[in-house]
Amino acid sequence: MQWTKAVMDNAAERDDKAFAELREHYSDAEIAELTLTSDLLSMWNRFSRALRIELYPAEESKLATCLAFGRPN
């Protein structure tokens, strides 16, 4: 979806075409939800990559366990 790409590339405020296409199919509330979801996934991806957390790590790291479940034993 062009809107998601524009949001993730931090170009949504300049992409009038993508926003106009979105408005043809979605309400303002749905657009807000789609935008928030795109931003949250982007943030989580950057956060995980910065901390070198693999999505499916071979071994559970203490950092990944702490972030997912609280303090490791």
PDB file of N, CA and C in Angstrom:
ATOM      1  N   MET A   1       0.849  -1.178   0.000  1.00  0.00           N
ATOM      2  CA  MET A   1       0.000   0.000   0.000  1.00  0.00           C
ATOM      3  C   MET A   1       0.896   1.244   0.000  1.00  0.00           C
ATOM      4  N   GLN A   2       0.605   2.156  -0.901  1.00  0.00           N
ATOM      5  CA  GLN A   2       1.407   3.371  -1.045  1.00  0.00           C
ATOM      6  C   GLN A   2       1.431   4.199   0.239  1.00  0.00           C
ATOM      7  N   TRP A   3       0.312   4.246   0.938  1.00  0.00           N
ATOM      8  CA  TRP A   3       0.247   5.041   2.168  1.00  0.00           C
ATOM      9  C   TRP A   3       1.222   4.509   3.208  1.00  0.00           C
ATOM     10  N   THR A   4       1.238   3.192   3.389  1.00  0.00           N
ATOM     11  CA  THR A   4       2.143   2.589   4.368  1.00  0.00           C
ATOM     12  C   THR A   4       3.582   2.911   4.031  1.00  0.00           C
ATOM     13  N   LYS A   5       3.941   2.807   2.755  1.00  0.00           N
ATOM     14  CA  LYS A   5       5.311   3.134   2.343  1.00  0.00           C
ATOM     15  C   LYS A   5       5.616   4.600   2.628  1.00  0.00           C
ATOM     16  N   ALA A   6       4.684   5.482   2.323  1.00  0.00           N
ATOM     17  CA  ALA A   6       4.891   6.912   2.579  1.00  0.00           C
ATOM     18  C   ALA A   6       5.080   7.180   4.070  1.00  0.00           C
ATOM     19  N   VAL A   7       4.282   6.514   4.898  1.00  0.00           N
ATOM     20  CA  VAL A   7       4.406   6.681   6.352  1.00  0.00           C
ATOM     21  C   VAL A   7       5.765   6.179   6.823  1.00  0.00           C
ATOM     22  N   MET A   8       6.159   5.001   6.376  1.00  0.00           N
ATOM     23  CA  MET A   8       7.411   4.408   6.836  1.00  0.00           C
ATOM     24  C   MET A   8       8.633   5.160   6.313  1.00  0.00           C
ATOM     25  N   ASP A   9       8.480   5.820   5.153  1.00  0.00           N
ATOM     26  CA  ASP A   9       9.578   6.619   4.598  1.00  0.00           C
ATOM     27  C   ASP A   9       9.563   8.053   5.126  1.00  0.00           C
ATOM     28  N   ASN A  10       8.645   8.344   6.038  1.00  0.00           N
ATOM     29  CA  ASN A  10       8.484   9.673   6.612  1.00  0.00           C
ATOM     30  C   ASN A  10       8.188  10.714   5.536  1.00  0.00           C
ATOM     31  N   ALA A  11       7.349  10.307   4.560  1.00  0.00           N
ATOM     32  CA  ALA A  11       7.007  11.194   3.451  1.00  0.00           C
ATOM     33  C   ALA A  11       5.503  11.371   3.307  1.00  0.00           C
ATOM     34  N   ALA A  12       4.733  10.884   4.254  1.00  0.00           N
ATOM     35  CA  ALA A  12       3.272  10.893   4.148  1.00  0.00           C
ATOM     36  C   ALA A  12       2.706  12.308   4.037  1.00  0.00           C
ATOM     37  N   GLU A  13       3.296  13.255   4.715  1.00  0.00           N
ATOM     38  CA  GLU A  13       2.746  14.620   4.684  1.00  0.00           C
ATOM     39  C   GLU A  13       2.873  15.267   3.317  1.00  0.00           C
ATOM     40  N   ARG A  14       3.727  14.710   2.460  1.00  0.00           N
ATOM     41  CA  ARG A  14       3.918  15.269   1.114  1.00  0.00           C
ATOM     42  C   ARG A  14       3.270  14.412   0.029  1.00  0.00           C
ATOM     43  N   ASP A  15       2.723  13.248   0.401  1.00  0.00           N
ATOM     44  CA  ASP A  15       2.173  12.328  -0.597  1.00  0.00           C
ATOM     45  C   ASP A  15       0.660  12.512  -0.709  1.00  0.00           C
ATOM     46  N   ASP A  16       0.265  13.567  -1.415  1.00  0.00           N
ATOM     47  CA  ASP A  16      -1.153  13.890  -1.575  1.00  0.00           C
ATOM     48  C   ASP A  16      -1.901  12.793  -2.333  1.00  0.00           C
ATOM     49  N   LYS A  17      -1.253  12.191  -3.306  1.00  0.00           N
ATOM     50  CA  LYS A  17      -1.899  11.145  -4.102  1.00  0.00           C
ATOM     51  C   LYS A  17      -2.243   9.938  -3.230  1.00  0.00           C
ATOM     52  N   ALA A  18      -1.305   9.480  -2.431  1.00  0.00           N
ATOM     53  CA  ALA A  18      -1.551   8.320  -1.568  1.00  0.00           C
ATOM     54  C   ALA A  18      -2.665   8.623  -0.570  1.00  0.00           C
ATOM     55  N   PHE A  19      -2.674   9.840  -0.031  1.00  0.00           N
ATOM     56  CA  PHE A  19      -3.710  10.211   0.937  1.00  0.00           C
ATOM     57  C   PHE A  19      -5.078  10.291   0.265  1.00  0.00           C
ATOM     58  N   ALA A  20      -5.126  10.836  -0.939  1.00  0.00           N
ATOM     59  CA  ALA A  20      -6.394  10.931  -1.667  1.00  0.00           C
ATOM     60  C   ALA A  20      -6.945   9.544  -1.986  1.00  0.00           C
ATOM     61  N   GLU A  21      -6.066   8.621  -2.393  1.00  0.00           N
ATOM     62  CA  GLU A  21      -6.500   7.249  -2.664  1.00  0.00           C
ATOM     63  C   GLU A  21      -7.037   6.579  -1.398  1.00  0.00           C
ATOM     64  N   LEU A  22      -6.403   6.838  -0.289  1.00  0.00           N
ATOM     65  CA  LEU A  22      -6.838   6.273   0.985  1.00  0.00           C
ATOM     66  C   LEU A  22      -8.236   6.777   1.343  1.00  0.00           C
ATOM     67  N   ARG A  23      -8.475   8.060   1.136  1.00  0.00           N
ATOM     68  CA  ARG A  23      -9.766   8.671   1.489  1.00  0.00           C
ATOM     69  C   ARG A  23     -10.916   8.132   0.647  1.00  0.00           C
ATOM     70  N   GLU A  24     -10.592   7.565  -0.512  1.00  0.00           N
ATOM     71  CA  GLU A  24     -11.633   6.968  -1.352  1.00  0.00           C
ATOM     72  C   GLU A  24     -12.210   5.697  -0.728  1.00  0.00           C
ATOM     73  N   HIS A  25     -11.435   5.042   0.121  1.00  0.00           N
ATOM     74  CA  HIS A  25     -11.818   3.723   0.630  1.00  0.00           C
ATOM     75  C   HIS A  25     -11.994   3.651   2.150  1.00  0.00           C
ATOM     76  N   TYR A  26     -11.414   4.595   2.885  1.00  0.00           N
ATOM     77  CA  TYR A  26     -11.404   4.502   4.348  1.00  0.00           C
ATOM     78  C   TYR A  26     -11.923   5.783   4.993  1.00  0.00           C
ATOM     79  N   SER A  27     -12.494   5.627   6.179  1.00  0.00           N
ATOM     80  CA  SER A  27     -12.941   6.777   6.973  1.00  0.00           C
ATOM     81  C   SER A  27     -11.732   7.421   7.647  1.00  0.00           C
ATOM     82  N   ASP A  28     -11.940   8.593   8.222  1.00  0.00           N
ATOM     83  CA  ASP A  28     -10.850   9.265   8.943  1.00  0.00           C
ATOM     84  C   ASP A  28     -10.332   8.391  10.086  1.00  0.00           C
ATOM     85  N   ALA A  29     -11.238   7.747  10.809  1.00  0.00           N
ATOM     86  CA  ALA A  29     -10.830   6.882  11.926  1.00  0.00           C
ATOM     87  C   ALA A  29     -10.006   5.698  11.424  1.00  0.00           C
ATOM     88  N   GLU A  30     -10.411   5.111  10.304  1.00  0.00           N
ATOM     89  CA  GLU A  30      -9.658   3.980   9.749  1.00  0.00           C
ATOM     90  C   GLU A  30      -8.289   4.422   9.245  1.00  0.00           C
ATOM     91  N   ILE A  31      -8.221   5.604   8.658  1.00  0.00           N
ATOM     92  CA  ILE A  31      -6.924   6.133   8.204  1.00  0.00           C
ATOM     93  C   ILE A  31      -6.002   6.353   9.401  1.00  0.00           C
ATOM     94  N   ALA A  32      -6.545   6.889  10.476  1.00  0.00           N
ATOM     95  CA  ALA A  32      -5.739   7.098  11.686  1.00  0.00           C
ATOM     96  C   ALA A  32      -5.230   5.762  12.216  1.00  0.00           C
ATOM     97  N   GLU A  33      -6.083   4.747  12.220  1.00  0.00           N
ATOM     98  CA  GLU A  33      -5.681   3.432  12.725  1.00  0.00           C
ATOM     99  C   GLU A  33      -4.620   2.794  11.826  1.00  0.00           C
ATOM    100  N   LEU A  34      -4.800   2.893  10.516  1.00  0.00           N
ATOM    101  CA  LEU A  34      -3.796   2.366   9.595  1.00  0.00           C
ATOM    102  C   LEU A  34      -2.450   3.066   9.773  1.00  0.00           C
ATOM    103  N   THR A  35      -2.494   4.378   9.940  1.00  0.00           N
ATOM    104  CA  THR A  35      -1.274   5.156  10.113  1.00  0.00           C
ATOM    105  C   THR A  35      -0.580   4.803  11.419  1.00  0.00           C
ATOM    106  N   LEU A  36      -1.341   4.710  12.494  1.00  0.00           N
ATOM    107  CA  LEU A  36      -0.766   4.352  13.789  1.00  0.00           C
ATOM    108  C   LEU A  36      -0.158   2.958  13.745  1.00  0.00           C
ATOM    109  N   THR A  37      -0.857   2.020  13.136  1.00  0.00           N
ATOM    110  CA  THR A  37      -0.349   0.653  13.035  1.00  0.00           C
ATOM    111  C   THR A  37       0.961   0.625  12.252  1.00  0.00           C
ATOM    112  N   SER A  38       1.016   1.337  11.142  1.00  0.00           N
ATOM    113  CA  SER A  38       2.257   1.400  10.354  1.00  0.00           C
ATOM    114  C   SER A  38       3.403   1.978  11.173  1.00  0.00           C
ATOM    115  N   ASP A  39       3.115   3.057  11.902  1.00  0.00           N
ATOM    116  CA  ASP A  39       4.149   3.681  12.731  1.00  0.00           C
ATOM    117  C   ASP A  39       4.617   2.768  13.854  1.00  0.00           C
ATOM    118  N   LEU A  40       3.693   2.089  14.501  1.00  0.00           N
ATOM    119  CA  LEU A  40       4.069   1.192  15.603  1.00  0.00           C
ATOM    120  C   LEU A  40       4.924   0.034  15.111  1.00  0.00           C
ATOM    121  N   LEU A  41       4.558  -0.543  13.975  1.00  0.00           N
ATOM    122  CA  LEU A  41       5.358  -1.638  13.430  1.00  0.00           C
ATOM    123  C   LEU A  41       6.738  -1.161  13.014  1.00  0.00           C
ATOM    124  N   SER A  42       6.793   0.019  12.432  1.00  0.00           N
ATOM    125  CA  SER A  42       8.080   0.591  12.051  1.00  0.00           C
ATOM    126  C   SER A  42       8.955   0.843  13.275  1.00  0.00           C
ATOM    127  N   MET A  43       8.345   1.409  14.323  1.00  0.00           N
ATOM    128  CA  MET A  43       9.095   1.681  15.557  1.00  0.00           C
ATOM    129  C   MET A  43       9.603   0.376  16.172  1.00  0.00           C
ATOM    130  N   TRP A  44       8.746  -0.632  16.226  1.00  0.00           N
ATOM    131  CA  TRP A  44       9.154  -1.901  16.838  1.00  0.00           C
ATOM    132  C   TRP A  44      10.284  -2.533  16.037  1.00  0.00           C
ATOM    133  N   ASN A  45      10.221  -2.441  14.720  1.00  0.00           N
ATOM    134  CA  ASN A  45      11.271  -2.976  13.874  1.00  0.00           C
ATOM    135  C   ASN A  45      12.599  -2.271  14.144  1.00  0.00           C
ATOM    136  N   ARG A  46      12.586  -0.952  14.206  1.00  0.00           N
ATOM    137  CA  ARG A  46      13.816  -0.196  14.477  1.00  0.00           C
ATOM    138  C   ARG A  46      14.344  -0.465  15.882  1.00  0.00           C
ATOM    139  N   PHE A  47      13.453  -0.554  16.844  1.00  0.00           N
ATOM    140  CA  PHE A  47      13.824  -0.845  18.234  1.00  0.00           C
ATOM    141  C   PHE A  47      14.505  -2.210  18.317  1.00  0.00           C
ATOM    142  N   SER A  48      13.887  -3.214  17.726  1.00  0.00           N
ATOM    143  CA  SER A  48      14.426  -4.580  17.762  1.00  0.00           C
ATOM    144  C   SER A  48      15.763  -4.673  17.043  1.00  0.00           C
ATOM    145  N   ARG A  49      15.868  -4.014  15.897  1.00  0.00           N
ATOM    146  CA  ARG A  49      17.132  -4.059  15.157  1.00  0.00           C
ATOM    147  C   ARG A  49      18.240  -3.345  15.922  1.00  0.00           C
ATOM    148  N   ALA A  50      17.923  -2.215  16.552  1.00  0.00           N
ATOM    149  CA  ALA A  50      18.937  -1.482  17.312  1.00  0.00           C
ATOM    150  C   ALA A  50      19.484  -2.320  18.465  1.00  0.00           C
ATOM    151  N   LEU A  51      18.601  -3.101  19.088  1.00  0.00           N
ATOM    152  CA  LEU A  51      19.021  -3.941  20.216  1.00  0.00           C
ATOM    153  C   LEU A  51      19.450  -5.334  19.778  1.00  0.00           C
ATOM    154  N   ARG A  52      19.474  -5.552  18.462  1.00  0.00           N
ATOM    155  CA  ARG A  52      19.898  -6.831  17.878  1.00  0.00           C
ATOM    156  C   ARG A  52      19.053  -8.006  18.386  1.00  0.00           C
ATOM    157  N   ILE A  53      17.750  -7.762  18.484  1.00  0.00           N
ATOM    158  CA  ILE A  53      16.819  -8.803  18.903  1.00  0.00           C
ATOM    159  C   ILE A  53      16.279  -9.476  17.653  1.00  0.00           C
ATOM    160  N   GLU A  54      16.524 -10.772  17.527  1.00  0.00           N
ATOM    161  CA  GLU A  54      16.011 -11.518  16.390  1.00  0.00           C
ATOM    162  C   GLU A  54      14.554 -11.875  16.647  1.00  0.00           C
ATOM    163  N   LEU A  55      13.776 -11.922  15.577  1.00  0.00           N
ATOM    164  CA  LEU A  55      12.377 -12.264  15.721  1.00  0.00           C
ATOM    165  C   LEU A  55      12.222 -13.677  16.268  1.00  0.00           C
ATOM    166  N   TYR A  56      12.991 -14.595  15.754  1.00  0.00           N
ATOM    167  CA  TYR A  56      12.976 -15.978  16.225  1.00  0.00           C
ATOM    168  C   TYR A  56      14.403 -16.372  16.577  1.00  0.00           C
ATOM    169  N   PRO A  57      14.885 -15.927  17.746  1.00  0.00           N
ATOM    170  CA  PRO A  57      16.277 -16.213  18.100  1.00  0.00           C
ATOM    171  C   PRO A  57      16.516 -17.704  18.298  1.00  0.00           C
ATOM    172  N   ALA A  58      17.725 -18.136  17.933  1.00  0.00           N
ATOM    173  CA  ALA A  58      18.108 -19.533  18.126  1.00  0.00           C
ATOM    174  C   ALA A  58      18.095 -19.880  19.613  1.00  0.00           C
ATOM    175  N   GLU A  59      18.601 -18.983  20.418  1.00  0.00           N
ATOM    176  CA  GLU A  59      18.581 -19.149  21.873  1.00  0.00           C
ATOM    177  C   GLU A  59      17.917 -17.925  22.472  1.00  0.00           C
ATOM    178  N   GLU A  60      17.186 -18.120  23.534  1.00  0.00           N
ATOM    179  CA  GLU A  60      16.563 -16.990  24.208  1.00  0.00           C
ATOM    180  C   GLU A  60      17.645 -16.139  24.868  1.00  0.00           C
ATOM    181  N   SER A  61      17.692 -14.873  24.521  1.00  0.00           N
ATOM    182  CA  SER A  61      18.614 -13.983  25.195  1.00  0.00           C
ATOM    183  C   SER A  61      17.928 -13.392  26.419  1.00  0.00           C
ATOM    184  N   LYS A  62      18.695 -13.008  27.391  1.00  0.00           N
ATOM    185  CA  LYS A  62      18.112 -12.410  28.591  1.00  0.00           C
ATOM    186  C   LYS A  62      17.399 -11.107  28.264  1.00  0.00           C
ATOM    187  N   LEU A  63      17.950 -10.316  27.326  1.00  0.00           N
ATOM    188  CA  LEU A  63      17.319  -9.059  26.952  1.00  0.00           C
ATOM    189  C   LEU A  63      15.964  -9.313  26.292  1.00  0.00           C
ATOM    190  N   ALA A  64      15.905 -10.250  25.351  1.00  0.00           N
ATOM    191  CA  ALA A  64      14.649 -10.550  24.680  1.00  0.00           C
ATOM    192  C   ALA A  64      13.614 -11.076  25.675  1.00  0.00           C
ATOM    193  N   THR A  65      14.040 -11.924  26.590  1.00  0.00           N
ATOM    194  CA  THR A  65      13.133 -12.462  27.600  1.00  0.00           C
ATOM    195  C   THR A  65      12.608 -11.362  28.488  1.00  0.00           C
ATOM    196  N   CYS A  66      13.475 -10.459  28.893  1.00  0.00           N
ATOM    197  CA  CYS A  66      13.080  -9.341  29.744  1.00  0.00           C
ATOM    198  C   CYS A  66      12.063  -8.449  29.033  1.00  0.00           C
ATOM    199  N   LEU A  67      12.322  -8.136  27.779  1.00  0.00           N
ATOM    200  CA  LEU A  67      11.405  -7.276  27.038  1.00  0.00           C
ATOM    201  C   LEU A  67      10.065  -7.948  26.793  1.00  0.00           C
ATOM    202  N   ALA A  68      10.067  -9.254  26.600  1.00  0.00           N
ATOM    203  CA  ALA A  68       8.819  -9.956  26.283  1.00  0.00           C
ATOM    204  C   ALA A  68       8.033 -10.342  27.527  1.00  0.00           C
ATOM    205  N   PHE A  69       8.715 -10.735  28.589  1.00  0.00           N
ATOM    206  CA  PHE A  69       8.014 -11.349  29.730  1.00  0.00           C
ATOM    207  C   PHE A  69       8.340 -10.730  31.080  1.00  0.00           C
ATOM    208  N   GLY A  70       9.171  -9.725  31.125  1.00  0.00           N
ATOM    209  CA  GLY A  70       9.582  -9.174  32.405  1.00  0.00           C
ATOM    210  C   GLY A  70      10.951  -9.715  32.766  1.00  0.00           C
ATOM    211  N   ARG A  71      11.341  -9.551  33.990  1.00  0.00           N
ATOM    212  CA  ARG A  71      12.673  -9.966  34.430  1.00  0.00           C
ATOM    213  C   ARG A  71      12.893 -11.460  34.335  1.00  0.00           C
ATOM    214  N   PRO A  72      14.025 -11.896  33.738  1.00  0.00           N
ATOM    215  CA  PRO A  72      14.344 -13.333  33.707  1.00  0.00           C
ATOM    216  C   PRO A  72      14.724 -13.803  35.111  1.00  0.00           C
ATOM    217  N   ASN A  73      14.502 -15.060  35.373  1.00  0.00           N
ATOM    218  CA  ASN A  73      14.865 -15.630  36.693  1.00  0.00           C
ATOM    219  C   ASN A  73      16.345 -15.837  36.827  1.00  0.00           C
TER     220      ASN A  73
END
